Amino acid sequence: MDWFLYYEKVKYELKISKNRLKMIKQYEKNLEEERSKIETIVYLQKELLNQISHDLETYHGIEYKLFNEIMVNGLSVTRAIEKVAHEEEKDESTLWKYYYPKVKKKITELQAIMLEVN
């Protein structure tokens, strides 16, 4: 084989190898960024679950049921109040006035955390 052709072949292979290495480094960089984003999401989701667990533990009776219906079962606030009022045999206005403000504060905090996650 001619040395010049061999030289050109090796030079071409070196160019390809450098390009492959460059692509691999870019891929690794992208993977690292993705890993970092996922770790952040996992951390925030754990915090959210911890906050929800804590809130569920601190609430009792009507507050617990109201929080559970809104956050866990996904009912609208109005429907949750109607349901809990019916179950507890309380007037809906009582729940709106005395219980919902306490639960609303926690829900607002959790929604802020959920926005960070997304």
C-alpha atoms as a PDB file:
ATOM      1  CA  MET A   1       0.000   0.000   0.000  1.00  0.00           C
ATOM      2  CA  ASP A   2       1.162   3.457  -0.802  1.00  0.00           C
ATOM      3  CA  TRP A   3       2.177   5.506   2.258  1.00  0.00           C
ATOM      4  CA  PHE A   4       0.298   8.499   1.022  1.00  0.00           C
ATOM      5  CA  LEU A   5      -2.953   6.526   0.746  1.00  0.00           C
ATOM      6  CA  TYR A   6      -2.359   4.985   4.133  1.00  0.00           C
ATOM      7  CA  TYR A   7      -1.695   8.439   5.584  1.00  0.00           C
ATOM      8  CA  GLU A   8      -4.951   9.773   4.093  1.00  0.00           C
ATOM      9  CA  LYS A   9      -6.896   6.778   5.373  1.00  0.00           C
ATOM     10  CA  VAL A  10      -5.568   7.199   8.927  1.00  0.00           C
ATOM     11  CA  LYS A  11      -6.166  10.952   8.725  1.00  0.00           C
ATOM     12  CA  TYR A  12      -9.780  10.327   7.657  1.00  0.00           C
ATOM     13  CA  GLU A  13     -10.307   7.768  10.445  1.00  0.00           C
ATOM     14  CA  LEU A  14      -8.872  10.234  12.952  1.00  0.00           C
ATOM     15  CA  LYS A  15     -11.311  12.883  11.752  1.00  0.00           C
ATOM     16  CA  ILE A  16     -14.219  10.455  12.125  1.00  0.00           C
ATOM     17  CA  SER A  17     -13.018   9.397  15.583  1.00  0.00           C
ATOM     18  CA  LYS A  18     -12.755  13.027  16.697  1.00  0.00           C
ATOM     19  CA  ASN A  19     -16.265  13.738  15.424  1.00  0.00           C
ATOM     20  CA  ARG A  20     -17.615  10.667  17.199  1.00  0.00           C
ATOM     21  CA  LEU A  21     -15.880  11.718  20.409  1.00  0.00           C
ATOM     22  CA  LYS A  22     -17.341  15.219  20.056  1.00  0.00           C
ATOM     23  CA  MET A  23     -20.819  13.743  19.596  1.00  0.00           C
ATOM     24  CA  ILE A  24     -20.372  11.478  22.616  1.00  0.00           C
ATOM     25  CA  LYS A  25     -19.276  14.431  24.761  1.00  0.00           C
ATOM     26  CA  GLN A  26     -22.320  16.424  23.642  1.00  0.00           C
ATOM     27  CA  TYR A  27     -24.545  13.429  24.362  1.00  0.00           C
ATOM     28  CA  GLU A  28     -23.007  13.092  27.833  1.00  0.00           C
ATOM     29  CA  LYS A  29     -23.594  16.799  28.446  1.00  0.00           C
ATOM     30  CA  ASN A  30     -27.238  16.446  27.401  1.00  0.00           C
ATOM     31  CA  LEU A  31     -27.624  13.379  29.626  1.00  0.00           C
ATOM     32  CA  GLU A  32     -26.122  15.264  32.563  1.00  0.00           C
ATOM     33  CA  GLU A  33     -28.553  18.153  32.055  1.00  0.00           C
ATOM     34  CA  GLU A  34     -31.461  15.713  31.819  1.00  0.00           C
ATOM     35  CA  ARG A  35     -30.264  13.879  34.937  1.00  0.00           C
ATOM     36  CA  SER A  36     -30.078  17.163  36.821  1.00  0.00           C
ATOM     37  CA  LYS A  37     -33.610  18.121  35.776  1.00  0.00           C
ATOM     38  CA  ILE A  38     -34.966  14.717  36.783  1.00  0.00           C
ATOM     39  CA  GLU A  39     -33.183  14.845  40.149  1.00  0.00           C
ATOM     40  CA  THR A  40     -34.770  18.246  40.783  1.00  0.00           C
ATOM     41  CA  ILE A  41     -38.206  16.922  39.863  1.00  0.00           C
ATOM     42  CA  VAL A  42     -37.747  13.870  42.106  1.00  0.00           C
ATOM     43  CA  TYR A  43     -36.655  16.084  44.996  1.00  0.00           C
ATOM     44  CA  LEU A  44     -39.609  18.446  44.572  1.00  0.00           C
ATOM     45  CA  GLN A  45     -42.052  15.564  44.262  1.00  0.00           C
ATOM     46  CA  LYS A  46     -40.695  13.987  47.450  1.00  0.00           C
ATOM     47  CA  GLU A  47     -41.081  17.321  49.202  1.00  0.00           C
ATOM     48  CA  LEU A  48     -44.623  17.608  47.898  1.00  0.00           C
ATOM     49  CA  LEU A  49     -45.499  14.114  49.134  1.00  0.00           C
ATOM     50  CA  ASN A  50     -43.937  14.856  52.506  1.00  0.00           C
ATOM     51  CA  GLN A  51     -45.922  18.079  52.765  1.00  0.00           C
ATOM     52  CA  ILE A  52     -49.161  16.332  51.809  1.00  0.00           C
ATOM     53  CA  SER A  53     -48.481  13.525  54.301  1.00  0.00           C
ATOM     54  CA  HIS A  54     -47.742  16.049  57.008  1.00  0.00           C
ATOM     55  CA  ASP A  55     -50.895  18.016  56.227  1.00  0.00           C
ATOM     56  CA  LEU A  56     -52.999  14.864  56.256  1.00  0.00           C
ATOM     57  CA  GLU A  57     -51.563  13.936  59.645  1.00  0.00           C
ATOM     58  CA  THR A  58     -52.246  17.354  61.143  1.00  0.00           C
ATOM     59  CA  TYR A  59     -55.824  17.589  59.957  1.00  0.00           C
ATOM     60  CA  HIS A  60     -58.601  15.879  61.844  1.00  0.00           C
ATOM     61  CA  GLY A  61     -62.259  15.347  61.172  1.00  0.00           C
ATOM     62  CA  ILE A  62     -63.830  17.842  58.808  1.00  0.00           C
ATOM     63  CA  GLU A  63     -60.555  19.535  57.824  1.00  0.00           C
ATOM     64  CA  TYR A  64     -59.052  16.165  56.929  1.00  0.00           C
ATOM     65  CA  LYS A  65     -62.070  15.132  54.892  1.00  0.00           C
ATOM     66  CA  LEU A  66     -62.188  18.459  53.081  1.00  0.00           C
ATOM     67  CA  PHE A  67     -58.476  18.399  52.290  1.00  0.00           C
ATOM     68  CA  ASN A  68     -58.697  14.777  51.185  1.00  0.00           C
ATOM     69  CA  GLU A  69     -61.651  15.390  48.872  1.00  0.00           C
ATOM     70  CA  ILE A  70     -59.981  18.377  47.220  1.00  0.00           C
ATOM     71  CA  MET A  71     -56.347  17.249  46.962  1.00  0.00           C
ATOM     72  CA  VAL A  72     -56.558  13.466  46.818  1.00  0.00           C
ATOM     73  CA  ASN A  73     -59.907  12.844  45.160  1.00  0.00           C
ATOM     74  CA  GLY A  74     -59.737  15.935  42.949  1.00  0.00           C
ATOM     75  CA  LEU A  75     -63.171  17.348  43.684  1.00  0.00           C
ATOM     76  CA  SER A  76     -63.821  21.020  43.168  1.00  0.00           C
ATOM     77  CA  VAL A  77     -63.947  23.021  46.371  1.00  0.00           C
ATOM     78  CA  THR A  78     -67.714  23.514  46.067  1.00  0.00           C
ATOM     79  CA  ARG A  79     -68.381  19.808  45.518  1.00  0.00           C
ATOM     80  CA  ALA A  80     -66.022  18.843  48.339  1.00  0.00           C
ATOM     81  CA  ILE A  81     -67.762  21.178  50.748  1.00  0.00           C
ATOM     82  CA  GLU A  82     -71.163  19.875  49.692  1.00  0.00           C
ATOM     83  CA  LYS A  83     -70.044  16.279  50.156  1.00  0.00           C
ATOM     84  CA  VAL A  84     -68.340  16.785  53.517  1.00  0.00           C
ATOM     85  CA  ALA A  85     -71.211  18.920  54.817  1.00  0.00           C
ATOM     86  CA  HIS A  86     -73.637  16.171  53.903  1.00  0.00           C
ATOM     87  CA  GLU A  87     -71.465  13.451  55.492  1.00  0.00           C
ATOM     88  CA  GLU A  88     -70.897  15.462  58.674  1.00  0.00           C
ATOM     89  CA  GLU A  89     -74.438  16.783  58.798  1.00  0.00           C
ATOM     90  CA  LYS A  90     -73.181  20.360  58.949  1.00  0.00           C
ATOM     91  CA  ASP A  91     -74.350  23.445  57.116  1.00  0.00           C
ATOM     92  CA  GLU A  92     -72.249  24.267  54.056  1.00  0.00           C
ATOM     93  CA  SER A  93     -71.828  27.865  55.220  1.00  0.00           C
ATOM     94  CA  THR A  94     -70.157  26.562  58.380  1.00  0.00           C
ATOM     95  CA  LEU A  95     -67.569  24.693  56.324  1.00  0.00           C
ATOM     96  CA  TRP A  96     -66.991  27.713  54.089  1.00  0.00           C
ATOM     97  CA  LYS A  97     -66.565  29.999  57.080  1.00  0.00           C
ATOM     98  CA  TYR A  98     -64.613  27.919  59.597  1.00  0.00           C
ATOM     99  CA  TYR A  99     -62.954  24.985  57.866  1.00  0.00           C
ATOM    100  CA  TYR A 100     -62.208  25.933  54.298  1.00  0.00           C
ATOM    101  CA  PRO A 101     -59.942  28.939  55.121  1.00  0.00           C
ATOM    102  CA  LYS A 102     -57.630  26.642  57.108  1.00  0.00           C
ATOM    103  CA  VAL A 103     -57.531  24.056  54.336  1.00  0.00           C
ATOM    104  CA  LYS A 104     -57.227  26.689  51.590  1.00  0.00           C
ATOM    105  CA  LYS A 105     -53.955  27.988  53.050  1.00  0.00           C
ATOM    106  CA  LYS A 106     -52.375  24.519  52.865  1.00  0.00           C
ATOM    107  CA  ILE A 107     -53.775  23.884  49.395  1.00  0.00           C
ATOM    108  CA  THR A 108     -52.284  27.154  48.146  1.00  0.00           C
ATOM    109  CA  GLU A 109     -48.886  26.184  49.556  1.00  0.00           C
ATOM    110  CA  LEU A 110     -49.077  22.766  47.908  1.00  0.00           C
ATOM    111  CA  GLN A 111     -50.133  24.252  44.577  1.00  0.00           C
ATOM    112  CA  ALA A 112     -47.094  26.533  44.681  1.00  0.00           C
ATOM    113  CA  ILE A 113     -44.872  23.508  45.216  1.00  0.00           C
ATOM    114  CA  MET A 114     -46.642  21.663  42.388  1.00  0.00           C
ATOM    115  CA  LEU A 115     -45.956  24.569  40.033  1.00  0.00           C
ATOM    116  CA  GLU A 116     -42.264  24.333  40.868  1.00  0.00           C
ATOM    117  CA  VAL A 117     -42.318  20.648  39.987  1.00  0.00           C
ATOM    118  CA  ASN A 118     -43.918  21.244  36.629  1.00  0.00           C
END
